[in-house]
Amino acid sequence: MAASFSVDNGEVVITMTWQNSQEVVERVVFDAAAYLFDKFGDRGTEEEPIVFSDLNPQQKLNLVYNHFTQVAKDAADTWVSVEAQRIAREATIPHEL
């Protein structure tokens, strides 16, 4: 997987590319999507249920993309929290008895 930054009209664009045979890439994406759908997927309603086999390839790719995006944001938020705690600990004057 190759990843790169570029700038388009003053905004940063991140591009990530997976390159392999169609069979390999689809197997990875669709298997990951099946796992994510099983854990977090929108099941629709009782009247109009959604099952994984109803999803088209783009919807499966979107499940994977959205999960990767959320994982990246969660990791960034965790880093900020951990750093804030470290800074607070270092700034704290220990209590002595």
N, C-alpha and C. Protein backbone atom coordinates (compact mmCIF):
# COMPACT_ATOMS: atom_id res chain seq x y z
N MET A 1 0.85 -1.17 0.00
CA MET A 1 0.00 0.00 0.00
C MET A 1 0.89 1.22 0.00
N ALA A 2 0.65 2.11 -0.92
CA ALA A 2 1.39 3.37 -0.99
C ALA A 2 0.47 4.48 -0.50
N ALA A 3 1.04 5.43 0.19
CA ALA A 3 0.25 6.56 0.69
C ALA A 3 1.01 7.84 0.39
N SER A 4 0.26 8.90 0.11
CA SER A 4 0.91 10.17 -0.20
C SER A 4 0.02 11.34 0.20
N PHE A 5 0.68 12.48 0.42
CA PHE A 5 0.00 13.75 0.65
C PHE A 5 0.12 14.58 -0.62
N SER A 6 -0.90 15.34 -0.93
CA SER A 6 -0.82 16.35 -1.99
C SER A 6 -1.70 17.52 -1.58
N VAL A 7 -1.55 18.64 -2.25
CA VAL A 7 -2.36 19.82 -1.95
C VAL A 7 -3.19 20.14 -3.18
N ASP A 8 -4.49 20.34 -2.94
CA ASP A 8 -5.42 20.66 -4.02
C ASP A 8 -6.26 21.85 -3.57
N ASN A 9 -6.08 22.98 -4.22
CA ASN A 9 -6.81 24.20 -3.86
C ASN A 9 -6.67 24.55 -2.39
N GLY A 10 -5.46 24.40 -1.86
CA GLY A 10 -5.19 24.77 -0.48
C GLY A 10 -5.59 23.74 0.55
N GLU A 11 -6.13 22.61 0.13
CA GLU A 11 -6.49 21.55 1.06
C GLU A 11 -5.59 20.34 0.84
N VAL A 12 -5.24 19.68 1.93
CA VAL A 12 -4.40 18.49 1.84
C VAL A 12 -5.27 17.30 1.45
N VAL A 13 -4.78 16.52 0.52
CA VAL A 13 -5.45 15.30 0.08
C VAL A 13 -4.51 14.13 0.39
N ILE A 14 -5.03 13.14 1.09
CA ILE A 14 -4.28 11.92 1.34
C ILE A 14 -4.81 10.86 0.40
N THR A 15 -3.91 10.21 -0.30
CA THR A 15 -4.27 9.13 -1.21
C THR A 15 -3.57 7.87 -0.75
N MET A 16 -4.34 6.80 -0.60
CA MET A 16 -3.77 5.50 -0.25
C MET A 16 -4.15 4.54 -1.35
N THR A 17 -3.17 3.79 -1.81
CA THR A 17 -3.38 2.90 -2.94
C THR A 17 -3.01 1.48 -2.58
N TRP A 18 -3.89 0.57 -2.87
CA TRP A 18 -3.59 -0.85 -2.76
C TRP A 18 -3.45 -1.37 -4.18
N GLN A 19 -2.38 -2.07 -4.43
CA GLN A 19 -2.19 -2.59 -5.78
C GLN A 19 -1.90 -4.07 -5.71
N ASN A 20 -2.74 -4.84 -6.35
CA ASN A 20 -2.58 -6.27 -6.46
C ASN A 20 -3.59 -6.71 -7.51
N SER A 21 -3.76 -7.99 -7.69
CA SER A 21 -4.77 -8.46 -8.64
C SER A 21 -6.16 -8.10 -8.11
N GLN A 22 -7.11 -8.01 -9.01
CA GLN A 22 -8.48 -7.71 -8.61
C GLN A 22 -8.97 -8.74 -7.61
N GLU A 23 -8.63 -9.99 -7.83
CA GLU A 23 -9.06 -11.06 -6.93
C GLU A 23 -8.55 -10.84 -5.51
N VAL A 24 -7.28 -10.50 -5.37
CA VAL A 24 -6.68 -10.32 -4.04
C VAL A 24 -7.27 -9.10 -3.35
N VAL A 25 -7.34 -7.98 -4.04
CA VAL A 25 -7.84 -6.74 -3.43
C VAL A 25 -9.31 -6.91 -3.03
N GLU A 26 -10.11 -7.46 -3.91
CA GLU A 26 -11.53 -7.65 -3.58
C GLU A 26 -11.69 -8.61 -2.41
N ARG A 27 -10.87 -9.66 -2.35
CA ARG A 27 -10.99 -10.59 -1.23
C ARG A 27 -10.68 -9.90 0.09
N VAL A 28 -9.63 -9.09 0.11
CA VAL A 28 -9.28 -8.37 1.33
C VAL A 28 -10.39 -7.40 1.71
N VAL A 29 -10.81 -6.58 0.76
CA VAL A 29 -11.84 -5.56 1.05
C VAL A 29 -13.16 -6.21 1.44
N PHE A 30 -13.60 -7.19 0.68
CA PHE A 30 -14.91 -7.78 0.95
C PHE A 30 -14.92 -8.60 2.23
N ASP A 31 -13.80 -9.28 2.54
CA ASP A 31 -13.74 -10.01 3.81
C ASP A 31 -13.70 -9.04 5.00
N ALA A 32 -12.94 -7.96 4.85
CA ALA A 32 -12.92 -6.94 5.92
C ALA A 32 -14.31 -6.33 6.07
N ALA A 33 -14.97 -6.05 4.96
CA ALA A 33 -16.32 -5.47 5.01
C ALA A 33 -17.30 -6.43 5.68
N ALA A 34 -17.17 -7.72 5.40
CA ALA A 34 -18.06 -8.71 6.02
C ALA A 34 -17.88 -8.70 7.53
N TYR A 35 -16.63 -8.65 7.98
CA TYR A 35 -16.35 -8.58 9.41
C TYR A 35 -16.96 -7.32 10.03
N LEU A 36 -16.72 -6.17 9.37
CA LEU A 36 -17.21 -4.90 9.90
C LEU A 36 -18.73 -4.85 9.89
N PHE A 37 -19.35 -5.37 8.84
CA PHE A 37 -20.81 -5.40 8.77
C PHE A 37 -21.37 -6.26 9.90
N ASP A 38 -20.71 -7.39 10.15
CA ASP A 38 -21.16 -8.28 11.22
C ASP A 38 -21.09 -7.59 12.57
N LYS A 39 -20.03 -6.79 12.80
CA LYS A 39 -19.84 -6.13 14.09
C LYS A 39 -20.63 -4.82 14.22
N PHE A 40 -20.66 -4.02 13.16
CA PHE A 40 -21.17 -2.65 13.26
C PHE A 40 -22.19 -2.26 12.19
N GLY A 41 -22.51 -3.16 11.29
CA GLY A 41 -23.29 -2.80 10.11
C GLY A 41 -24.72 -2.39 10.38
N ASP A 42 -25.23 -1.58 9.48
CA ASP A 42 -26.63 -1.15 9.52
C ASP A 42 -27.49 -2.32 9.05
N ARG A 43 -28.32 -2.85 9.94
CA ARG A 43 -29.16 -3.99 9.62
C ARG A 43 -30.52 -3.58 9.07
N GLY A 44 -30.73 -2.28 8.89
CA GLY A 44 -32.01 -1.82 8.39
C GLY A 44 -33.07 -1.92 9.47
N THR A 45 -34.28 -2.19 9.05
CA THR A 45 -35.41 -2.31 9.98
C THR A 45 -36.00 -3.70 9.87
N GLU A 46 -36.90 -4.00 10.76
CA GLU A 46 -37.57 -5.30 10.70
C GLU A 46 -38.36 -5.42 9.40
N GLU A 47 -38.96 -4.31 8.98
CA GLU A 47 -39.74 -4.31 7.75
C GLU A 47 -38.85 -4.37 6.50
N GLU A 48 -37.69 -3.73 6.58
CA GLU A 48 -36.75 -3.70 5.46
C GLU A 48 -35.34 -4.01 5.96
N PRO A 49 -35.09 -5.28 6.24
CA PRO A 49 -33.77 -5.65 6.75
C PRO A 49 -32.69 -5.52 5.66
N ILE A 50 -31.47 -5.28 6.11
CA ILE A 50 -30.32 -5.23 5.21
C ILE A 50 -29.40 -6.38 5.59
N VAL A 51 -29.03 -7.18 4.62
CA VAL A 51 -28.07 -8.26 4.84
C VAL A 51 -26.84 -7.95 4.00
N PHE A 52 -25.71 -8.51 4.41
CA PHE A 52 -24.44 -8.21 3.75
C PHE A 52 -24.50 -8.47 2.25
N SER A 53 -25.15 -9.53 1.86
CA SER A 53 -25.21 -9.87 0.43
C SER A 53 -25.98 -8.83 -0.39
N ASP A 54 -26.75 -7.96 0.28
CA ASP A 54 -27.46 -6.88 -0.43
C ASP A 54 -26.52 -5.74 -0.81
N LEU A 55 -25.36 -5.64 -0.15
CA LEU A 55 -24.45 -4.51 -0.39
C LEU A 55 -23.73 -4.67 -1.72
N ASN A 56 -23.57 -3.55 -2.42
CA ASN A 56 -22.80 -3.58 -3.67
C ASN A 56 -21.31 -3.36 -3.34
N PRO A 57 -20.42 -3.55 -4.30
CA PRO A 57 -18.99 -3.40 -4.01
C PRO A 57 -18.62 -2.03 -3.43
N GLN A 58 -19.24 -0.95 -3.89
CA GLN A 58 -18.92 0.37 -3.36
C GLN A 58 -19.33 0.49 -1.90
N GLN A 59 -20.47 -0.05 -1.55
CA GLN A 59 -20.92 0.00 -0.15
C GLN A 59 -19.98 -0.81 0.75
N LYS A 60 -19.47 -1.91 0.23
CA LYS A 60 -18.52 -2.71 1.00
C LYS A 60 -17.21 -1.94 1.19
N LEU A 61 -16.74 -1.31 0.13
CA LEU A 61 -15.53 -0.49 0.23
C LEU A 61 -15.74 0.66 1.20
N ASN A 62 -16.92 1.28 1.17
CA ASN A 62 -17.22 2.38 2.09
C ASN A 62 -17.15 1.93 3.54
N LEU A 63 -17.62 0.71 3.84
CA LEU A 63 -17.51 0.20 5.20
C LEU A 63 -16.06 0.16 5.66
N VAL A 64 -15.18 -0.33 4.80
CA VAL A 64 -13.76 -0.42 5.14
C VAL A 64 -13.15 0.97 5.26
N TYR A 65 -13.43 1.84 4.30
CA TYR A 65 -12.90 3.21 4.33
C TYR A 65 -13.35 3.94 5.59
N ASN A 66 -14.63 3.87 5.91
CA ASN A 66 -15.15 4.57 7.09
C ASN A 66 -14.52 4.04 8.37
N HIS A 67 -14.29 2.74 8.43
CA HIS A 67 -13.66 2.16 9.61
C HIS A 67 -12.22 2.66 9.74
N PHE A 68 -11.46 2.65 8.64
CA PHE A 68 -10.08 3.14 8.68
C PHE A 68 -10.05 4.60 9.12
N THR A 69 -10.97 5.39 8.62
CA THR A 69 -11.03 6.80 8.99
C THR A 69 -11.29 6.95 10.49
N GLN A 70 -12.24 6.18 11.01
CA GLN A 70 -12.56 6.26 12.44
C GLN A 70 -11.39 5.79 13.29
N VAL A 71 -10.70 4.74 12.87
CA VAL A 71 -9.54 4.25 13.61
C VAL A 71 -8.45 5.32 13.66
N ALA A 72 -8.21 6.00 12.53
CA ALA A 72 -7.20 7.06 12.51
C ALA A 72 -7.58 8.21 13.43
N LYS A 73 -8.85 8.61 13.42
CA LYS A 73 -9.28 9.69 14.30
C LYS A 73 -9.21 9.27 15.76
N ASP A 74 -9.60 8.04 16.07
CA ASP A 74 -9.53 7.54 17.45
C ASP A 74 -8.09 7.49 17.93
N ALA A 75 -7.18 7.05 17.07
CA ALA A 75 -5.76 7.01 17.45
C ALA A 75 -5.23 8.41 17.72
N ALA A 76 -5.61 9.37 16.89
CA ALA A 76 -5.17 10.76 17.09
C ALA A 76 -5.74 11.31 18.40
N ASP A 77 -7.01 11.05 18.67
CA ASP A 77 -7.62 11.52 19.92
C ASP A 77 -6.95 10.88 21.13
N THR A 78 -6.62 9.60 21.03
CA THR A 78 -5.94 8.91 22.12
C THR A 78 -4.57 9.53 22.37
N TRP A 79 -3.85 9.80 21.30
CA TRP A 79 -2.52 10.43 21.44
C TRP A 79 -2.64 11.77 22.16
N VAL A 80 -3.59 12.60 21.77
CA VAL A 80 -3.77 13.90 22.41
C VAL A 80 -4.07 13.72 23.89
N SER A 81 -4.93 12.78 24.23
CA SER A 81 -5.29 12.54 25.63
C SER A 81 -4.08 12.05 26.43
N VAL A 82 -3.34 11.10 25.88
CA VAL A 82 -2.18 10.56 26.58
C VAL A 82 -1.13 11.66 26.78
N GLU A 83 -0.90 12.47 25.77
CA GLU A 83 0.07 13.56 25.89
C GLU A 83 -0.38 14.58 26.95
N ALA A 84 -1.68 14.91 26.97
CA ALA A 84 -2.18 15.86 27.97
C ALA A 84 -1.99 15.30 29.38
N GLN A 85 -2.21 14.00 29.54
CA GLN A 85 -2.01 13.38 30.85
C GLN A 85 -0.53 13.40 31.24
N ARG A 86 0.34 13.13 30.30
CA ARG A 86 1.78 13.15 30.58
C ARG A 86 2.22 14.54 31.01
N ILE A 87 1.77 15.56 30.27
CA ILE A 87 2.14 16.94 30.59
C ILE A 87 1.60 17.33 31.96
N ALA A 88 0.36 16.92 32.25
CA ALA A 88 -0.22 17.23 33.56
C ALA A 88 0.56 16.55 34.68
N ARG A 89 0.96 15.29 34.47
CA ARG A 89 1.74 14.58 35.49
C ARG A 89 3.07 15.29 35.73
N GLU A 90 3.72 15.71 34.67
CA GLU A 90 5.01 16.37 34.82
C GLU A 90 4.89 17.73 35.49
N ALA A 91 3.73 18.37 35.34
CA ALA A 91 3.52 19.69 35.94
C ALA A 91 3.04 19.61 37.38
N THR A 92 2.67 18.43 37.81
CA THR A 92 2.13 18.26 39.16
C THR A 92 3.26 18.23 40.19
N ILE A 93 3.04 18.96 41.26
CA ILE A 93 3.98 18.93 42.38
C ILE A 93 3.52 17.77 43.27
N PRO A 94 4.39 16.79 43.48
CA PRO A 94 3.99 15.63 44.28
C PRO A 94 3.64 16.04 45.71
N HIS A 95 2.67 15.36 46.26
CA HIS A 95 2.31 15.57 47.65
C HIS A 95 3.28 14.82 48.54
N GLU A 96 3.66 15.48 49.61
CA GLU A 96 4.55 14.83 50.56
C GLU A 96 3.89 14.83 51.93
N LEU A 97 4.04 13.76 52.62
CA LEU A 97 3.53 13.65 53.98
C LEU A 97 4.65 13.40 54.93
